[in-house]
Amino acid sequence: MTRKYIPAAALVALASPAVADTSAPTLAEQQFSQIVSWEGRWQVAETDALEIVFEITARGSTVIERWETASGLHSITVYHLDGDKVVATHYCPQGNQPRLESTAAGDGGITFAFRDITGLDEGESHAFSLAYRLDEDGSLLRSEIYRSAEGPGEPSSYTLTRSPPEP
């Protein structure tokens, strides 16, 4: 009679129940961690009239992006995890609230696509897509497209650099 030998590693694999690796963060968790890393005040290279502040709140589960001008708060966008997506809800000065959800960006950045909207009145435009890319020099490129009744508009971009620490 011929004996068949089964390698010990194969026996262990057969005897052990399949265990999912839960230690690796999901894409959405990686994207949210990247947004969390932006905490702080950022200058906008294209204008002196605007600063953008990222603030972590709700025990680390939410990031608020505030657009601040000399005349006060302009708008906010709130980021949080929702299952396998990061959701960005933009509270626009026009009074509408588009929600965008993260997608898989191929360049290491974060891209958000339109999900739905509340508070949209006739004639208003709204945020339709949003993207971030962190450059090697530490600057953050923020690009967005607004959509109106006529369709998507042209992309606009801001280059953000960290504000120097206050004395």
Foldseek 3Di string as FASTA:
>chain_A
DDDDDDDPVVVVVVPDDDDDPPPDDAPQVVQLVVLVVQAAKKQWPVDNFWIWGWDADPVRFKIKIWIAGPVGTQWIWMWGDDVRWIWIWTCHPVGKTWIWIWDDDPPPKTKTATDGIPDDDAFDKAWGIWIWDQDPVRKIKIKTWIAHPVGIDDIDITIIDHDPDDD
